[in-house]
């Protein structure tokens, strides 16, 4: 028995008491722990300013069983364990409503290869790719994709484990770096063009952002710590091009099973075609993060954005399954 999910229950909240006690999940033990702590603490501060009864909860330090008694959860965990359906499944089992995408949507969107295939199936273009299971696939990748190319772990976020490859000799090291982060690795052709992202909130697309970085690509440092990364919002697209990009972003997000809020990222190739890179179901909420920037351009300040994300938890009806209730009683010695 799963936590009941009913999209018709989506609604706006007028009073912070409607949310009850809120746990902000942050930290965790993925490679993105540092960013998750920044995101989660920013979210917690915003909820507190809006009068929500909220507190931080780090699953690396505490058992999720301790969430019993909380009314809902704001998930600010990035990377494997928090963004891939794992914690969503635990919350389903415990019967605690949570923000954003469900188990299936979280797991699918976390896997860039699966997301790519789903997007292509509904007509959203994405760069060609070759899955790298080992050195036996290197020649195929080089022949099919050419150089330069980029090697990526399939289920990591924040550009963790990604490497641009400019020569055949560099491919083994790039593969090793990605494989150290994830057992699923793939390569894509290097695309020279502009990078865009579209944030999604409660079924609507926010203004697109164009990203410019002097680094080789928009990597971990550029995303979170560099001051020379430029974000243009409005992005400079014409109105028809903006609407088209937003429609692609929504389509890709929905194809992956995304719900509530998230982000779709694209590269624009030399022909002006938008190519989907990935879908993100728990985007960053730091001072350098993209969703808050897009929200500001739409007239939504950070505190209001955090509030609206919390509203996405209303579609999940609380109540643990009988099996979970029995397990919890045994855990407590009752």
C-alpha atoms as a PDB file:
ATOM      1  CA  UNK A   1       0.000   0.000   0.000  1.00  0.00           C
ATOM      2  CA  UNK A   2       1.492   3.316  -1.070  1.00  0.00           C
ATOM      3  CA  UNK A   3       1.034   6.826   0.182  1.00  0.00           C
ATOM      4  CA  UNK A   4      -2.079   7.940  -1.694  1.00  0.00           C
ATOM      5  CA  UNK A   5      -1.452  10.393  -4.528  1.00  0.00           C
ATOM      6  CA  UNK A   6      -4.244  12.544  -5.901  1.00  0.00           C
ATOM      7  CA  UNK A   7      -3.286  15.432  -8.256  1.00  0.00           C
ATOM      8  CA  UNK A   8      -6.759  16.930  -7.841  1.00  0.00           C
ATOM      9  CA  UNK A   9      -5.803  17.856  -4.276  1.00  0.00           C
ATOM     10  CA  UNK A  10      -3.281  20.443  -5.488  1.00  0.00           C
ATOM     11  CA  UNK A  11      -4.053  23.775  -3.862  1.00  0.00           C
ATOM     12  CA  UNK A  12      -2.619  27.003  -2.562  1.00  0.00           C
ATOM     13  CA  UNK A  13      -2.054  27.612   1.146  1.00  0.00           C
ATOM     14  CA  UNK A  14      -2.956  30.864   2.882  1.00  0.00           C
ATOM     15  CA  UNK A  15      -1.870  30.062   6.430  1.00  0.00           C
ATOM     16  CA  UNK A  16       1.427  28.447   7.503  1.00  0.00           C
ATOM     17  CA  UNK A  17      -0.515  26.260   9.940  1.00  0.00           C
ATOM     18  CA  UNK A  18      -1.961  24.391   6.966  1.00  0.00           C
ATOM     19  CA  UNK A  19       1.398  22.702   6.500  1.00  0.00           C
ATOM     20  CA  UNK A  20       1.723  21.454  10.075  1.00  0.00           C
ATOM     21  CA  UNK A  21       5.210  20.409  11.214  1.00  0.00           C
ATOM     22  CA  UNK A  22       7.661  20.362   8.316  1.00  0.00           C
ATOM     23  CA  UNK A  23      10.979  18.523   8.192  1.00  0.00           C
ATOM     24  CA  UNK A  24      13.516  19.889   5.710  1.00  0.00           C
ATOM     25  CA  UNK A  25      15.602  16.929   4.524  1.00  0.00           C
ATOM     26  CA  UNK A  26      19.132  18.134   3.844  1.00  0.00           C
ATOM     27  CA  UNK A  27      22.701  16.891   3.773  1.00  0.00           C
ATOM     28  CA  UNK A  28      22.582  13.139   3.281  1.00  0.00           C
ATOM     29  CA  UNK A  29      25.638  11.192   2.184  1.00  0.00           C
ATOM     30  CA  UNK A  30      25.852  11.693  -1.569  1.00  0.00           C
ATOM     31  CA  UNK A  31      28.656  13.509  -3.388  1.00  0.00           C
ATOM     32  CA  UNK A  32      26.372  16.565  -3.362  1.00  0.00           C
ATOM     33  CA  UNK A  33      26.073  16.764   0.425  1.00  0.00           C
ATOM     34  CA  UNK A  34      27.752  20.179   0.598  1.00  0.00           C
ATOM     35  CA  UNK A  35      25.280  21.686  -1.882  1.00  0.00           C
ATOM     36  CA  UNK A  36      22.346  19.981  -0.191  1.00  0.00           C
ATOM     37  CA  UNK A  37      23.278  21.583   3.122  1.00  0.00           C
ATOM     38  CA  UNK A  38      23.371  25.006   1.448  1.00  0.00           C
ATOM     39  CA  UNK A  39      20.030  24.415  -0.271  1.00  0.00           C
ATOM     40  CA  UNK A  40      18.332  22.967   2.790  1.00  0.00           C
ATOM     41  CA  UNK A  41      19.430  25.704   5.148  1.00  0.00           C
ATOM     42  CA  UNK A  42      18.274  28.370   2.684  1.00  0.00           C
ATOM     43  CA  UNK A  43      14.902  26.616   2.429  1.00  0.00           C
ATOM     44  CA  UNK A  44      14.632  26.312   6.206  1.00  0.00           C
ATOM     45  CA  UNK A  45      15.348  30.019   6.686  1.00  0.00           C
ATOM     46  CA  UNK A  46      12.685  30.921   4.111  1.00  0.00           C
ATOM     47  CA  UNK A  47      10.066  28.700   5.749  1.00  0.00           C
ATOM     48  CA  UNK A  48      10.875  30.180   9.149  1.00  0.00           C
ATOM     49  CA  UNK A  49      10.460  33.706   7.785  1.00  0.00           C
ATOM     50  CA  UNK A  50       7.023  32.732   6.500  1.00  0.00           C
ATOM     51  CA  UNK A  51       5.970  31.364   9.892  1.00  0.00           C
ATOM     52  CA  UNK A  52       6.098  27.659   8.999  1.00  0.00           C
ATOM     53  CA  UNK A  53       6.912  25.272  11.863  1.00  0.00           C
ATOM     54  CA  UNK A  54       9.984  23.716  10.244  1.00  0.00           C
ATOM     55  CA  UNK A  55      13.261  22.120  11.305  1.00  0.00           C
ATOM     56  CA  UNK A  56      16.288  20.581   9.619  1.00  0.00           C
ATOM     57  CA  UNK A  57      16.582  16.798   9.351  1.00  0.00           C
ATOM     58  CA  UNK A  58      19.812  15.206   8.103  1.00  0.00           C
ATOM     59  CA  UNK A  59      19.289  11.522   7.210  1.00  0.00           C
ATOM     60  CA  UNK A  60      23.017  10.887   7.585  1.00  0.00           C
ATOM     61  CA  UNK A  61      22.673  11.735  11.251  1.00  0.00           C
ATOM     62  CA  UNK A  62      19.184  10.403  12.033  1.00  0.00           C
ATOM     63  CA  UNK A  63      16.978   7.487  11.043  1.00  0.00           C
ATOM     64  CA  UNK A  64      14.060   8.317   8.769  1.00  0.00           C
ATOM     65  CA  UNK A  65      11.840   6.478  11.255  1.00  0.00           C
ATOM     66  CA  UNK A  66      12.217   9.564  13.447  1.00  0.00           C
ATOM     67  CA  UNK A  67      10.113  11.471  10.905  1.00  0.00           C
ATOM     68  CA  UNK A  68       7.012   9.833  12.358  1.00  0.00           C
ATOM     69  CA  UNK A  69       4.962  12.637  13.892  1.00  0.00           C
ATOM     70  CA  UNK A  70       5.991  15.177  11.252  1.00  0.00           C
ATOM     71  CA  UNK A  71       3.230  16.305   8.897  1.00  0.00           C
ATOM     72  CA  UNK A  72       5.239  16.694   5.693  1.00  0.00           C
ATOM     73  CA  UNK A  73       8.745  16.866   4.267  1.00  0.00           C
ATOM     74  CA  UNK A  74      10.495  19.447   2.083  1.00  0.00           C
ATOM     75  CA  UNK A  75      13.104  17.401   0.201  1.00  0.00           C
ATOM     76  CA  UNK A  76      16.347  19.328  -0.323  1.00  0.00           C
ATOM     77  CA  UNK A  77      18.549  16.263  -0.786  1.00  0.00           C
ATOM     78  CA  UNK A  78      20.591  16.247  -4.010  1.00  0.00           C
ATOM     79  CA  UNK A  79      22.086  13.268  -5.783  1.00  0.00           C
ATOM     80  CA  UNK A  80      21.709   9.522  -5.170  1.00  0.00           C
ATOM     81  CA  UNK A  81      19.731   8.631  -2.074  1.00  0.00           C
ATOM     82  CA  UNK A  82      17.698  11.828  -2.069  1.00  0.00           C
ATOM     83  CA  UNK A  83      16.887  12.601  -5.665  1.00  0.00           C
ATOM     84  CA  UNK A  84      16.606   9.132  -7.182  1.00  0.00           C
ATOM     85  CA  UNK A  85      13.408   7.817  -5.605  1.00  0.00           C
ATOM     86  CA  UNK A  86      15.089   6.229  -2.584  1.00  0.00           C
ATOM     87  CA  UNK A  87      13.968   8.687   0.076  1.00  0.00           C
ATOM     88  CA  UNK A  88      10.671   9.178  -1.756  1.00  0.00           C
ATOM     89  CA  UNK A  89      10.031   5.439  -1.404  1.00  0.00           C
ATOM     90  CA  UNK A  90      10.832   5.564   2.309  1.00  0.00           C
ATOM     91  CA  UNK A  91       8.430   8.456   2.805  1.00  0.00           C
ATOM     92  CA  UNK A  92       5.750   6.590   0.849  1.00  0.00           C
ATOM     93  CA  UNK A  93       6.224   3.634   3.185  1.00  0.00           C
ATOM     94  CA  UNK A  94       6.015   5.877   6.230  1.00  0.00           C
ATOM     95  CA  UNK A  95       2.960   7.694   4.845  1.00  0.00           C
ATOM     96  CA  UNK A  96       4.481  11.175   5.086  1.00  0.00           C
ATOM     97  CA  UNK A  97       3.656  13.699   2.317  1.00  0.00           C
ATOM     98  CA  UNK A  98       6.654  15.237   0.574  1.00  0.00           C
ATOM     99  CA  UNK A  99       7.507  17.821  -2.057  1.00  0.00           C
ATOM    100  CA  UNK A 100       8.129  17.287  -5.740  1.00  0.00           C
ATOM    101  CA  UNK A 101       8.274  14.132  -7.818  1.00  0.00           C
ATOM    102  CA  UNK A 102       7.303  10.646  -6.714  1.00  0.00           C
ATOM    103  CA  UNK A 103       9.338   7.451  -6.685  1.00  0.00           C
ATOM    104  CA  UNK A 104       9.104   6.610 -10.387  1.00  0.00           C
ATOM    105  CA  UNK A 105       9.606  10.157 -11.645  1.00  0.00           C
ATOM    106  CA  UNK A 106      12.558  10.748  -9.331  1.00  0.00           C
ATOM    107  CA  UNK A 107      14.268   7.487 -10.314  1.00  0.00           C
ATOM    108  CA  UNK A 108      13.719   8.058 -14.027  1.00  0.00           C
ATOM    109  CA  UNK A 109      14.853  11.683 -14.123  1.00  0.00           C
ATOM    110  CA  UNK A 110      17.970  10.871 -12.103  1.00  0.00           C
ATOM    111  CA  UNK A 111      19.054   8.536 -14.912  1.00  0.00           C
ATOM    112  CA  UNK A 112      20.167  10.765 -17.790  1.00  0.00           C
ATOM    113  CA  UNK A 113      20.177   7.878 -20.274  1.00  0.00           C
ATOM    114  CA  UNK A 114      16.596   6.841 -19.507  1.00  0.00           C
ATOM    115  CA  UNK A 115      15.445  10.450 -19.577  1.00  0.00           C
ATOM    116  CA  UNK A 116      17.145  10.930 -22.940  1.00  0.00           C
ATOM    117  CA  UNK A 117      15.382   7.898 -24.422  1.00  0.00           C
ATOM    118  CA  UNK A 118      11.986   8.921 -23.099  1.00  0.00           C
ATOM    119  CA  UNK A 119      12.405  12.480 -24.384  1.00  0.00           C
ATOM    120  CA  UNK A 120      13.435  11.278 -27.825  1.00  0.00           C
ATOM    121  CA  UNK A 121      10.409   8.964 -27.910  1.00  0.00           C
ATOM    122  CA  UNK A 122       8.032  11.935 -27.581  1.00  0.00           C
ATOM    123  CA  UNK A 123       9.919  14.104 -30.068  1.00  0.00           C
ATOM    124  CA  UNK A 124      12.164  16.139 -27.750  1.00  0.00           C
ATOM    125  CA  UNK A 125      15.637  16.113 -29.318  1.00  0.00           C
ATOM    126  CA  UNK A 126      18.637  15.080 -27.231  1.00  0.00           C
ATOM    127  CA  UNK A 127      22.295  14.559 -28.156  1.00  0.00           C
ATOM    128  CA  UNK A 128      23.313  11.164 -29.512  1.00  0.00           C
ATOM    129  CA  UNK A 129      24.926   8.913 -26.909  1.00  0.00           C
ATOM    130  CA  UNK A 130      26.965   5.754 -26.553  1.00  0.00           C
ATOM    131  CA  UNK A 131      26.794   3.776 -23.322  1.00  0.00           C
ATOM    132  CA  UNK A 132      30.275   2.906 -22.069  1.00  0.00           C
ATOM    133  CA  UNK A 133      30.385  -0.456 -20.326  1.00  0.00           C
ATOM    134  CA  UNK A 134      34.164  -0.582 -20.521  1.00  0.00           C
ATOM    135  CA  UNK A 135      37.143  -0.122 -22.865  1.00  0.00           C
ATOM    136  CA  UNK A 136      35.428  -2.331 -25.452  1.00  0.00           C
ATOM    137  CA  UNK A 137      33.022   0.555 -26.180  1.00  0.00           C
ATOM    138  CA  UNK A 138      35.642   3.295 -26.607  1.00  0.00           C
ATOM    139  CA  UNK A 139      36.184   2.759 -30.325  1.00  0.00           C
ATOM    140  CA  UNK A 140      32.446   2.834 -31.007  1.00  0.00           C
ATOM    141  CA  UNK A 141      32.084   6.099 -29.095  1.00  0.00           C
ATOM    142  CA  UNK A 142      34.969   7.712 -30.976  1.00  0.00           C
ATOM    143  CA  UNK A 143      33.732   6.539 -34.378  1.00  0.00           C
ATOM    144  CA  UNK A 144      30.102   7.471 -33.785  1.00  0.00           C
ATOM    145  CA  UNK A 145      30.431  10.668 -31.789  1.00  0.00           C
ATOM    146  CA  UNK A 146      33.786  12.045 -32.926  1.00  0.00           C
ATOM    147  CA  UNK A 147      35.963  14.406 -30.919  1.00  0.00           C
ATOM    148  CA  UNK A 148      35.649  16.290 -28.739  1.00  0.00           C
ATOM    149  CA  UNK A 149      33.064  14.455 -26.662  1.00  0.00           C
ATOM    150  CA  UNK A 150      31.921  14.477 -23.051  1.00  0.00           C
ATOM    151  CA  UNK A 151      31.799  11.507 -20.696  1.00  0.00           C
ATOM    152  CA  UNK A 152      29.146  11.466 -17.972  1.00  0.00           C
ATOM    153  CA  UNK A 153      27.985   9.243 -15.131  1.00  0.00           C
ATOM    154  CA  UNK A 154      24.296   8.559 -15.765  1.00  0.00           C
ATOM    155  CA  UNK A 155      22.915   9.097 -12.269  1.00  0.00           C
ATOM    156  CA  UNK A 156      24.951  11.910 -10.740  1.00  0.00           C
ATOM    157  CA  UNK A 157      24.020  15.569 -10.547  1.00  0.00           C
ATOM    158  CA  UNK A 158      25.918  18.873 -10.345  1.00  0.00           C
ATOM    159  CA  UNK A 159      28.285  17.752 -13.144  1.00  0.00           C
ATOM    160  CA  UNK A 160      29.979  15.324 -10.759  1.00  0.00           C
ATOM    161  CA  UNK A 161      32.263  12.942 -12.686  1.00  0.00           C
ATOM    162  CA  UNK A 162      31.913  14.695 -16.051  1.00  0.00           C
ATOM    163  CA  UNK A 163      34.961  15.175 -18.309  1.00  0.00           C
ATOM    164  CA  UNK A 164      35.454  16.785 -21.698  1.00  0.00           C
ATOM    165  CA  UNK A 165      37.554  14.518 -23.918  1.00  0.00           C
ATOM    166  CA  UNK A 166      39.601  16.113 -26.698  1.00  0.00           C
ATOM    167  CA  UNK A 167      41.743  13.102 -27.672  1.00  0.00           C
ATOM    168  CA  UNK A 168      41.385   9.322 -27.815  1.00  0.00           C
ATOM    169  CA  UNK A 169      44.195   9.022 -25.270  1.00  0.00           C
ATOM    170  CA  UNK A 170      42.144  10.970 -22.712  1.00  0.00           C
ATOM    171  CA  UNK A 171      39.078   8.721 -22.944  1.00  0.00           C
ATOM    172  CA  UNK A 172      40.230   5.963 -20.517  1.00  0.00           C
ATOM    173  CA  UNK A 173      40.861   8.479 -17.710  1.00  0.00           C
ATOM    174  CA  UNK A 174      37.532  10.204 -18.345  1.00  0.00           C
ATOM    175  CA  UNK A 175      35.756   6.865 -18.228  1.00  0.00           C
ATOM    176  CA  UNK A 176      37.502   5.957 -14.971  1.00  0.00           C
ATOM    177  CA  UNK A 177      36.469   9.269 -13.371  1.00  0.00           C
ATOM    178  CA  UNK A 178      32.824   8.748 -14.346  1.00  0.00           C
ATOM    179  CA  UNK A 179      32.819   5.070 -13.362  1.00  0.00           C
ATOM    180  CA  UNK A 180      34.174   6.010  -9.936  1.00  0.00           C
ATOM    181  CA  UNK A 181      31.007   8.025  -9.395  1.00  0.00           C
ATOM    182  CA  UNK A 182      28.497   5.676 -11.028  1.00  0.00           C
ATOM    183  CA  UNK A 183      28.449   2.233 -12.607  1.00  0.00           C
ATOM    184  CA  UNK A 184      26.404   3.559 -15.546  1.00  0.00           C
ATOM    185  CA  UNK A 185      28.507   5.744 -17.865  1.00  0.00           C
ATOM    186  CA  UNK A 186      27.897   7.209 -21.301  1.00  0.00           C
ATOM    187  CA  UNK A 187      29.420   9.587 -23.826  1.00  0.00           C
ATOM    188  CA  UNK A 188      27.837  12.366 -25.859  1.00  0.00           C
ATOM    189  CA  UNK A 189      29.241  14.528 -28.638  1.00  0.00           C
ATOM    190  CA  UNK A 190      30.597  17.857 -27.448  1.00  0.00           C
ATOM    191  CA  UNK A 191      28.105  20.522 -28.465  1.00  0.00           C
ATOM    192  CA  UNK A 192      29.342  24.036 -29.054  1.00  0.00           C
ATOM    193  CA  UNK A 193      26.505  26.435 -28.447  1.00  0.00           C
ATOM    194  CA  UNK A 194      24.508  28.264 -25.855  1.00  0.00           C
ATOM    195  CA  UNK A 195      23.231  26.565 -22.726  1.00  0.00           C
ATOM    196  CA  UNK A 196      19.713  27.192 -21.418  1.00  0.00           C
ATOM    197  CA  UNK A 197      17.660  26.017 -18.498  1.00  0.00           C
ATOM    198  CA  UNK A 198      13.926  26.214 -17.868  1.00  0.00           C
ATOM    199  CA  UNK A 199      12.538  25.982 -14.336  1.00  0.00           C
ATOM    200  CA  UNK A 200       9.134  24.402 -13.801  1.00  0.00           C
ATOM    201  CA  UNK A 201       6.752  25.148 -10.953  1.00  0.00           C
ATOM    202  CA  UNK A 202       3.297  23.691 -10.389  1.00  0.00           C
ATOM    203  CA  UNK A 203       2.774  22.795 -14.031  1.00  0.00           C
ATOM    204  CA  UNK A 204       4.081  26.041 -15.529  1.00  0.00           C
ATOM    205  CA  UNK A 205       7.404  27.024 -17.065  1.00  0.00           C
ATOM    206  CA  UNK A 206       9.287  30.019 -15.684  1.00  0.00           C
ATOM    207  CA  UNK A 207      11.416  32.325 -17.873  1.00  0.00           C
ATOM    208  CA  UNK A 208      14.413  30.576 -19.429  1.00  0.00           C
ATOM    209  CA  UNK A 209      17.967  31.384 -18.353  1.00  0.00           C
ATOM    210  CA  UNK A 210      21.020  31.458 -20.619  1.00  0.00           C
ATOM    211  CA  UNK A 211      24.215  30.352 -18.922  1.00  0.00           C
ATOM    212  CA  UNK A 212      27.674  31.573 -19.876  1.00  0.00           C
ATOM    213  CA  UNK A 213      30.873  30.403 -18.243  1.00  0.00           C
ATOM    214  CA  UNK A 214      34.543  31.031 -19.104  1.00  0.00           C
ATOM    215  CA  UNK A 215      35.304  27.454 -17.984  1.00  0.00           C
ATOM    216  CA  UNK A 216      35.336  24.514 -20.388  1.00  0.00           C
ATOM    217  CA  UNK A 217      31.724  23.790 -19.483  1.00  0.00           C
ATOM    218  CA  UNK A 218      29.167  24.486 -16.765  1.00  0.00           C
ATOM    219  CA  UNK A 219      30.822  22.241 -14.187  1.00  0.00           C
ATOM    220  CA  UNK A 220      30.547  21.934 -10.391  1.00  0.00           C
ATOM    221  CA  UNK A 221      32.751  24.966  -9.703  1.00  0.00           C
ATOM    222  CA  UNK A 222      30.919  27.125 -12.245  1.00  0.00           C
ATOM    223  CA  UNK A 223      27.547  26.110 -10.843  1.00  0.00           C
ATOM    224  CA  UNK A 224      28.151  26.824  -7.191  1.00  0.00           C
ATOM    225  CA  UNK A 225      31.306  28.751  -6.450  1.00  0.00           C
ATOM    226  CA  UNK A 226      32.485  30.869  -9.389  1.00  0.00           C
ATOM    227  CA  UNK A 227      31.599  34.535  -9.580  1.00  0.00           C
ATOM    228  CA  UNK A 228      32.406  34.819 -13.290  1.00  0.00           C
ATOM    229  CA  UNK A 229      29.529  32.586 -14.447  1.00  0.00           C
ATOM    230  CA  UNK A 230      26.902  34.751 -16.159  1.00  0.00           C
ATOM    231  CA  UNK A 231      23.163  34.131 -16.002  1.00  0.00           C
ATOM    232  CA  UNK A 232      20.950  35.975 -18.452  1.00  0.00           C
ATOM    233  CA  UNK A 233      17.260  36.106 -17.618  1.00  0.00           C
ATOM    234  CA  UNK A 234      15.482  37.056 -19.826  1.00  0.00           C
ATOM    235  CA  UNK A 235      17.674  34.792 -21.923  1.00  0.00           C
ATOM    236  CA  UNK A 236      17.432  36.835 -25.122  1.00  0.00           C
ATOM    237  CA  UNK A 237      15.282  34.347 -27.039  1.00  0.00           C
ATOM    238  CA  UNK A 238      12.472  35.671 -29.206  1.00  0.00           C
ATOM    239  CA  UNK A 239       8.977  35.129 -27.823  1.00  0.00           C
ATOM    240  CA  UNK A 240       8.231  32.204 -30.171  1.00  0.00           C
ATOM    241  CA  UNK A 241      11.590  30.579 -29.371  1.00  0.00           C
ATOM    242  CA  UNK A 242      11.015  31.089 -25.638  1.00  0.00           C
ATOM    243  CA  UNK A 243       7.583  29.500 -25.813  1.00  0.00           C
ATOM    244  CA  UNK A 244       8.948  26.592 -27.821  1.00  0.00           C
ATOM    245  CA  UNK A 245      11.767  25.969 -25.340  1.00  0.00           C
ATOM    246  CA  UNK A 246       9.318  26.126 -22.429  1.00  0.00           C
ATOM    247  CA  UNK A 247       7.033  23.601 -24.143  1.00  0.00           C
ATOM    248  CA  UNK A 248       9.981  21.241 -24.665  1.00  0.00           C
ATOM    249  CA  UNK A 249      10.982  21.629 -21.022  1.00  0.00           C
ATOM    250  CA  UNK A 250       7.506  20.760 -19.789  1.00  0.00           C
ATOM    251  CA  UNK A 251       7.188  17.832 -22.195  1.00  0.00           C
ATOM    252  CA  UNK A 252      10.520  16.328 -21.155  1.00  0.00           C
ATOM    253  CA  UNK A 253       9.754  16.806 -17.452  1.00  0.00           C
ATOM    254  CA  UNK A 254       6.368  15.134 -17.782  1.00  0.00           C
ATOM    255  CA  UNK A 255       7.774  12.301 -19.923  1.00  0.00           C
ATOM    256  CA  UNK A 256      10.221  11.487 -17.139  1.00  0.00           C
ATOM    257  CA  UNK A 257       7.375  11.466 -14.625  1.00  0.00           C
ATOM    258  CA  UNK A 258       8.350  14.724 -12.957  1.00  0.00           C
ATOM    259  CA  UNK A 259       5.863  16.401 -10.638  1.00  0.00           C
ATOM    260  CA  UNK A 260       5.501  19.642  -8.723  1.00  0.00           C
ATOM    261  CA  UNK A 261       8.699  21.462  -9.516  1.00  0.00           C
ATOM    262  CA  UNK A 262      11.991  20.921 -11.275  1.00  0.00           C
ATOM    263  CA  UNK A 263      14.161  22.001 -14.173  1.00  0.00           C
ATOM    264  CA  UNK A 264      14.989  20.942 -17.732  1.00  0.00           C
ATOM    265  CA  UNK A 265      18.419  21.773 -19.191  1.00  0.00           C
ATOM    266  CA  UNK A 266      19.291  22.246 -22.872  1.00  0.00           C
ATOM    267  CA  UNK A 267      22.113  23.026 -25.261  1.00  0.00           C
ATOM    268  CA  UNK A 268      21.351  24.943 -28.457  1.00  0.00           C
ATOM    269  CA  UNK A 269      23.326  23.486 -31.362  1.00  0.00           C
ATOM    270  CA  UNK A 270      24.741  25.394 -34.343  1.00  0.00           C
ATOM    271  CA  UNK A 271      21.445  24.986 -36.208  1.00  0.00           C
ATOM    272  CA  UNK A 272      19.498  26.551 -33.348  1.00  0.00           C
ATOM    273  CA  UNK A 273      17.950  23.236 -32.276  1.00  0.00           C
ATOM    274  CA  UNK A 274      17.364  22.759 -28.544  1.00  0.00           C
ATOM    275  CA  UNK A 275      18.855  19.483 -27.292  1.00  0.00           C
ATOM    276  CA  UNK A 276      17.789  18.166 -23.910  1.00  0.00           C
ATOM    277  CA  UNK A 277      20.674  17.424 -21.544  1.00  0.00           C
ATOM    278  CA  UNK A 278      18.787  16.336 -18.447  1.00  0.00           C
ATOM    279  CA  UNK A 279      15.810  16.791 -16.156  1.00  0.00           C
ATOM    280  CA  UNK A 280      16.335  17.720 -12.511  1.00  0.00           C
ATOM    281  CA  UNK A 281      13.636  16.941  -9.926  1.00  0.00           C
ATOM    282  CA  UNK A 282      15.369  18.497  -6.879  1.00  0.00           C
ATOM    283  CA  UNK A 283      17.230  21.541  -8.229  1.00  0.00           C
ATOM    284  CA  UNK A 284      19.599  23.530  -6.097  1.00  0.00           C
ATOM    285  CA  UNK A 285      18.299  26.318  -3.893  1.00  0.00           C
ATOM    286  CA  UNK A 286      21.580  28.104  -3.158  1.00  0.00           C
ATOM    287  CA  UNK A 287      22.648  31.670  -3.860  1.00  0.00           C
ATOM    288  CA  UNK A 288      23.959  30.555  -7.275  1.00  0.00           C
ATOM    289  CA  UNK A 289      20.970  28.358  -8.129  1.00  0.00           C
ATOM    290  CA  UNK A 290      18.874  28.684 -11.266  1.00  0.00           C
ATOM    291  CA  UNK A 291      15.298  28.074 -10.147  1.00  0.00           C
ATOM    292  CA  UNK A 292      15.308  31.028  -7.707  1.00  0.00           C
ATOM    293  CA  UNK A 293      16.696  33.257 -10.503  1.00  0.00           C
ATOM    294  CA  UNK A 294      13.928  32.239 -12.895  1.00  0.00           C
ATOM    295  CA  UNK A 295      11.336  32.687 -10.156  1.00  0.00           C
ATOM    296  CA  UNK A 296      12.556  36.233  -9.462  1.00  0.00           C
ATOM    297  CA  UNK A 297      12.182  37.050 -13.163  1.00  0.00           C
ATOM    298  CA  UNK A 298       8.579  35.864 -12.885  1.00  0.00           C
ATOM    299  CA  UNK A 299       7.941  38.062  -9.836  1.00  0.00           C
ATOM    300  CA  UNK A 300       8.265  35.265  -7.265  1.00  0.00           C
ATOM    301  CA  UNK A 301      10.724  35.948  -4.451  1.00  0.00           C
ATOM    302  CA  UNK A 302      12.696  33.173  -2.748  1.00  0.00           C
ATOM    303  CA  UNK A 303      10.409  32.802   0.262  1.00  0.00           C
ATOM    304  CA  UNK A 304       7.332  32.562  -1.959  1.00  0.00           C
ATOM    305  CA  UNK A 305       9.087  30.020  -4.180  1.00  0.00           C
ATOM    306  CA  UNK A 306       9.902  27.811  -1.190  1.00  0.00           C
ATOM    307  CA  UNK A 307       6.274  28.133  -0.018  1.00  0.00           C
ATOM    308  CA  UNK A 308       4.947  27.104  -3.431  1.00  0.00           C
ATOM    309  CA  UNK A 309       7.240  24.098  -3.588  1.00  0.00           C
ATOM    310  CA  UNK A 310       5.952  23.043  -0.175  1.00  0.00           C
ATOM    311  CA  UNK A 311       2.408  23.291  -1.569  1.00  0.00           C
ATOM    312  CA  UNK A 312       3.278  20.477  -3.997  1.00  0.00           C
ATOM    313  CA  UNK A 313       3.151  18.085  -1.019  1.00  0.00           C
ATOM    314  CA  UNK A 314      -0.633  18.528  -0.744  1.00  0.00           C
ATOM    315  CA  UNK A 315      -1.237  16.011  -3.545  1.00  0.00           C
ATOM    316  CA  UNK A 316       0.019  13.203  -1.273  1.00  0.00           C
ATOM    317  CA  UNK A 317      -2.378  11.950   1.380  1.00  0.00           C
ATOM    318  CA  UNK A 318      -0.772  11.082   4.738  1.00  0.00           C
ATOM    319  CA  UNK A 319      -1.077   7.718   6.437  1.00  0.00           C
ATOM    320  CA  UNK A 320       1.422   4.855   6.680  1.00  0.00           C
ATOM    321  CA  UNK A 321       0.440   1.422   5.422  1.00  0.00           C
ATOM    322  CA  UNK A 322      -0.619  -1.201   7.997  1.00  0.00           C
ATOM    323  CA  UNK A 323       2.670  -3.057   7.413  1.00  0.00           C
ATOM    324  CA  UNK A 324       4.669   0.110   8.050  1.00  0.00           C
ATOM    325  CA  UNK A 325       2.639   0.859  11.163  1.00  0.00           C
ATOM    326  CA  UNK A 326       3.394  -2.630  12.526  1.00  0.00           C
ATOM    327  CA  UNK A 327       7.086  -2.248  11.711  1.00  0.00           C
ATOM    328  CA  UNK A 328       7.198   1.080  13.499  1.00  0.00           C
ATOM    329  CA  UNK A 329       5.507  -0.366  16.579  1.00  0.00           C
ATOM    330  CA  UNK A 330       8.069  -3.185  16.688  1.00  0.00           C
ATOM    331  CA  UNK A 331      10.915  -0.660  16.259  1.00  0.00           C
ATOM    332  CA  UNK A 332       9.597   1.249  19.258  1.00  0.00           C
ATOM    333  CA  UNK A 333       9.196  -1.918  21.310  1.00  0.00           C
ATOM    334  CA  UNK A 334       5.400  -1.618  21.515  1.00  0.00           C
END
